[in-house]
Amino acid sequence: MSDKTKSETKLLLNGIAFNAGGECSRKPSTRASWRRRLLIGVLLIETCFALPKLADGQFLSIFDSIFSSIQSDIGGSLSQINQVAQQMQKLYQTTVAPLAAINQARGFVANSINSFRGQMNQIFNTSFTSAVTPGPQQFESILHSRLSAQIPALQASFTTTMGRSRRSMQPRRRTA
């Protein structure tokens, strides 16, 4: 074969004629490049719309609606209940237990205690002795001692001073 036949035979590489000189005979058209650009743009826009929304915003919106419901619906009722409770407390303090009258009564009691404290102490500390003989005097001193350790001696002193107890004074029944 001659050189002419060799140059006429063209090799195809991916559907494009290939010259041995290193250049491709076909260049991409401007219409194809615009199609690629349009396709890329459409895909970018679709991915922006196709991205899922974050769940945090939806979750927090539930709490926002709950809080707004509490503040608007229940909050109005709670504020009315609070107002009624305050009115009841005011009524109680002015009629049932007026604070000024209670403080005045406390002051009166404190003044009375302070003015009569000395006289009351004299009465509390006055010794009352009515017993004349030594037996009853011992019994009386045990009674007035105010000591719990003297309680066991109280019964013995009573028995010596007053005699037998009532139970032992009753006559015994004879059994046959």
Protein backbone atom coordinates (compact mmCIF):
# COMPACT_ATOMS: atom_id res chain seq x y z
CA MET A 1 0.00 0.00 0.00
CA SER A 2 1.02 3.44 -0.64
CA ASP A 3 1.28 6.45 1.61
CA LYS A 4 -1.85 7.86 0.15
CA THR A 5 -4.01 4.97 1.27
CA LYS A 6 -2.57 5.11 4.77
CA SER A 7 -3.41 8.75 5.28
CA GLU A 8 -6.90 8.23 3.99
CA THR A 9 -7.63 5.57 6.52
CA LYS A 10 -8.58 7.32 9.69
CA LEU A 11 -8.56 5.82 13.08
CA LEU A 12 -11.53 6.49 15.25
CA LEU A 13 -10.99 7.15 18.90
CA ASN A 14 -14.25 7.38 20.89
CA GLY A 15 -16.13 8.26 17.79
CA ILE A 16 -13.75 11.14 16.93
CA ALA A 17 -11.40 10.91 13.96
CA PHE A 18 -7.81 10.77 15.02
CA ASN A 19 -5.00 12.23 13.02
CA ALA A 20 -1.53 11.14 13.67
CA GLY A 21 -0.51 14.79 13.82
CA GLY A 22 -1.90 15.04 17.38
CA GLU A 23 -4.96 17.17 16.70
CA CYS A 24 -8.58 16.06 16.86
CA SER A 25 -10.62 16.94 13.89
CA ARG A 26 -13.81 17.62 15.90
CA LYS A 27 -14.10 20.37 18.52
CA PRO A 28 -16.97 20.49 21.03
CA SER A 29 -19.71 22.82 19.87
CA THR A 30 -20.90 25.77 21.87
CA ARG A 31 -24.36 24.29 21.98
CA ALA A 32 -23.09 21.21 23.89
CA SER A 33 -21.21 23.35 26.41
CA TRP A 34 -24.38 25.35 27.08
CA ARG A 35 -26.28 22.13 27.65
CA ARG A 36 -23.69 21.00 30.18
CA ARG A 37 -23.82 24.33 31.97
CA LEU A 38 -27.62 24.26 32.06
CA LEU A 39 -27.64 20.68 33.32
CA ILE A 40 -25.18 21.53 36.11
CA GLY A 41 -27.24 24.59 37.10
CA VAL A 42 -30.50 22.63 37.20
CA LEU A 43 -28.87 19.92 39.31
CA LEU A 44 -27.53 22.50 41.78
CA ILE A 45 -30.96 24.11 42.14
CA GLU A 46 -32.65 20.73 42.63
CA THR A 47 -30.17 19.73 45.34
CA CYS A 48 -30.85 23.00 47.18
CA PHE A 49 -34.58 22.25 47.21
CA ALA A 50 -34.10 18.57 47.93
CA LEU A 51 -32.03 19.10 51.10
CA PRO A 52 -34.07 18.06 54.15
CA LYS A 53 -35.00 20.70 56.67
CA LEU A 54 -33.34 20.43 60.03
CA ALA A 55 -35.37 18.71 62.73
CA ASP A 56 -34.22 21.18 65.42
CA GLY A 57 -36.43 23.93 64.05
CA GLN A 58 -39.48 21.71 64.04
CA PHE A 59 -38.76 20.39 67.54
CA LEU A 60 -38.32 23.86 69.00
CA SER A 61 -41.47 25.11 67.32
CA ILE A 62 -43.45 22.52 69.30
CA PHE A 63 -42.11 23.97 72.54
CA ASP A 64 -42.85 27.48 71.32
CA SER A 65 -46.46 26.54 70.67
CA ILE A 66 -46.75 24.85 74.08
CA PHE A 67 -45.28 27.87 75.87
CA SER A 68 -47.49 30.30 73.99
CA SER A 69 -50.53 28.16 74.85
CA ILE A 70 -49.55 28.15 78.52
CA GLN A 71 -48.97 31.88 78.57
CA SER A 72 -52.11 32.85 76.68
CA ASP A 73 -54.74 30.30 77.73
CA ILE A 74 -53.57 28.99 81.08
CA GLY A 75 -51.63 32.12 82.00
CA GLY A 76 -54.79 34.24 82.02
CA SER A 77 -56.51 31.79 84.34
CA LEU A 78 -53.49 31.58 86.60
CA SER A 79 -53.26 35.35 86.90
CA GLN A 80 -56.96 35.49 87.84
CA ILE A 81 -56.42 32.78 90.47
CA ASN A 82 -53.45 34.75 91.81
CA GLN A 83 -55.56 37.90 92.05
CA VAL A 84 -58.30 36.05 93.96
CA ALA A 85 -55.73 34.57 96.35
CA GLN A 86 -54.26 38.03 97.00
CA GLN A 87 -57.73 39.47 97.65
CA MET A 88 -58.50 36.64 100.09
CA GLN A 89 -55.21 37.22 101.92
CA LYS A 90 -55.97 40.94 102.15
CA LEU A 91 -59.47 40.21 103.49
CA TYR A 92 -58.05 37.75 106.03
CA GLN A 93 -55.45 40.26 107.22
CA THR A 94 -57.97 43.08 107.57
CA THR A 95 -60.94 41.24 109.12
CA VAL A 96 -60.08 37.83 110.56
CA ALA A 97 -56.56 38.41 111.83
CA PRO A 98 -55.64 42.07 111.47
CA LEU A 99 -51.91 42.36 111.80
CA ALA A 100 -52.04 45.70 113.63
CA ALA A 101 -54.40 44.33 116.31
CA ILE A 102 -52.26 41.21 116.77
CA ASN A 103 -49.11 43.29 117.22
CA GLN A 104 -50.95 45.56 119.66
CA ALA A 105 -52.05 42.53 121.71
CA ARG A 106 -48.50 41.16 121.73
CA GLY A 107 -47.21 44.48 122.95
CA PHE A 108 -49.83 44.59 125.72
CA VAL A 109 -48.90 41.08 126.90
CA ALA A 110 -45.18 41.91 126.84
CA ASN A 111 -45.78 45.12 128.85
CA SER A 112 -47.96 43.28 131.36
CA ILE A 113 -45.35 40.58 131.86
CA ASN A 114 -42.61 43.16 132.33
CA SER A 115 -44.62 45.23 134.81
CA PHE A 116 -45.69 42.25 136.93
CA ARG A 117 -42.56 40.10 136.61
CA GLY A 118 -41.14 41.08 140.00
CA GLN A 119 -44.40 40.41 141.84
CA MET A 120 -44.88 37.06 140.10
CA ASN A 121 -41.33 35.99 141.01
CA GLN A 122 -42.03 36.84 144.67
CA ILE A 123 -45.18 34.70 144.61
CA PHE A 124 -43.42 31.79 142.89
CA ASN A 125 -40.50 31.87 145.32
CA THR A 126 -42.59 32.24 148.51
CA SER A 127 -42.30 29.18 150.67
CA PHE A 128 -45.60 27.82 151.85
CA THR A 129 -45.19 25.86 155.01
CA SER A 130 -48.27 24.85 156.86
CA ALA A 131 -46.95 21.80 158.67
CA VAL A 132 -45.95 22.24 162.28
CA THR A 133 -44.74 18.84 163.40
CA PRO A 134 -41.61 17.19 161.99
CA GLY A 135 -43.38 14.32 160.08
CA PRO A 136 -45.64 16.55 158.02
CA GLN A 137 -42.80 19.07 157.55
CA GLN A 138 -40.68 16.36 155.92
CA PHE A 139 -43.61 15.33 153.68
CA GLU A 140 -44.24 18.97 152.76
CA SER A 141 -40.58 19.62 151.93
CA ILE A 142 -40.53 16.58 149.61
CA LEU A 143 -43.70 17.80 147.86
CA HIS A 144 -42.36 21.34 147.36
CA SER A 145 -38.83 20.29 146.36
CA ARG A 146 -39.72 19.91 142.64
CA LEU A 147 -37.07 17.20 142.31
CA SER A 148 -37.91 14.00 140.47
CA ALA A 149 -35.35 12.09 142.55
CA GLN A 150 -37.58 12.65 145.61
CA ILE A 151 -40.58 10.80 144.09
CA PRO A 152 -39.72 7.37 145.62
CA ALA A 153 -39.41 8.98 149.07
CA LEU A 154 -42.79 10.65 148.65
CA GLN A 155 -44.83 7.47 149.14
CA ALA A 156 -42.91 6.44 152.23
CA SER A 157 -43.23 9.94 153.73
CA PHE A 158 -46.94 10.02 152.95
CA THR A 159 -47.47 6.66 154.60
CA THR A 160 -45.58 7.76 157.72
CA THR A 161 -47.39 11.08 157.90
CA MET A 162 -50.94 10.11 156.99
CA GLY A 163 -51.00 6.51 158.01
CA ARG A 164 -52.18 3.63 155.92
CA SER A 165 -53.49 4.24 152.43
CA ARG A 166 -57.20 4.00 151.69
CA ARG A 167 -56.81 0.61 150.13
CA SER A 168 -55.26 -0.78 153.28
CA MET A 169 -57.91 0.94 155.42
CA GLN A 170 -60.71 -1.20 154.01
CA PRO A 171 -61.52 -4.19 156.18
CA ARG A 172 -60.43 -7.52 154.88
CA ARG A 173 -63.03 -9.99 153.88
CA ARG A 174 -62.88 -13.28 155.49
CA THR A 175 -63.09 -16.24 153.27
CA ALA A 176 -64.53 -19.43 154.60
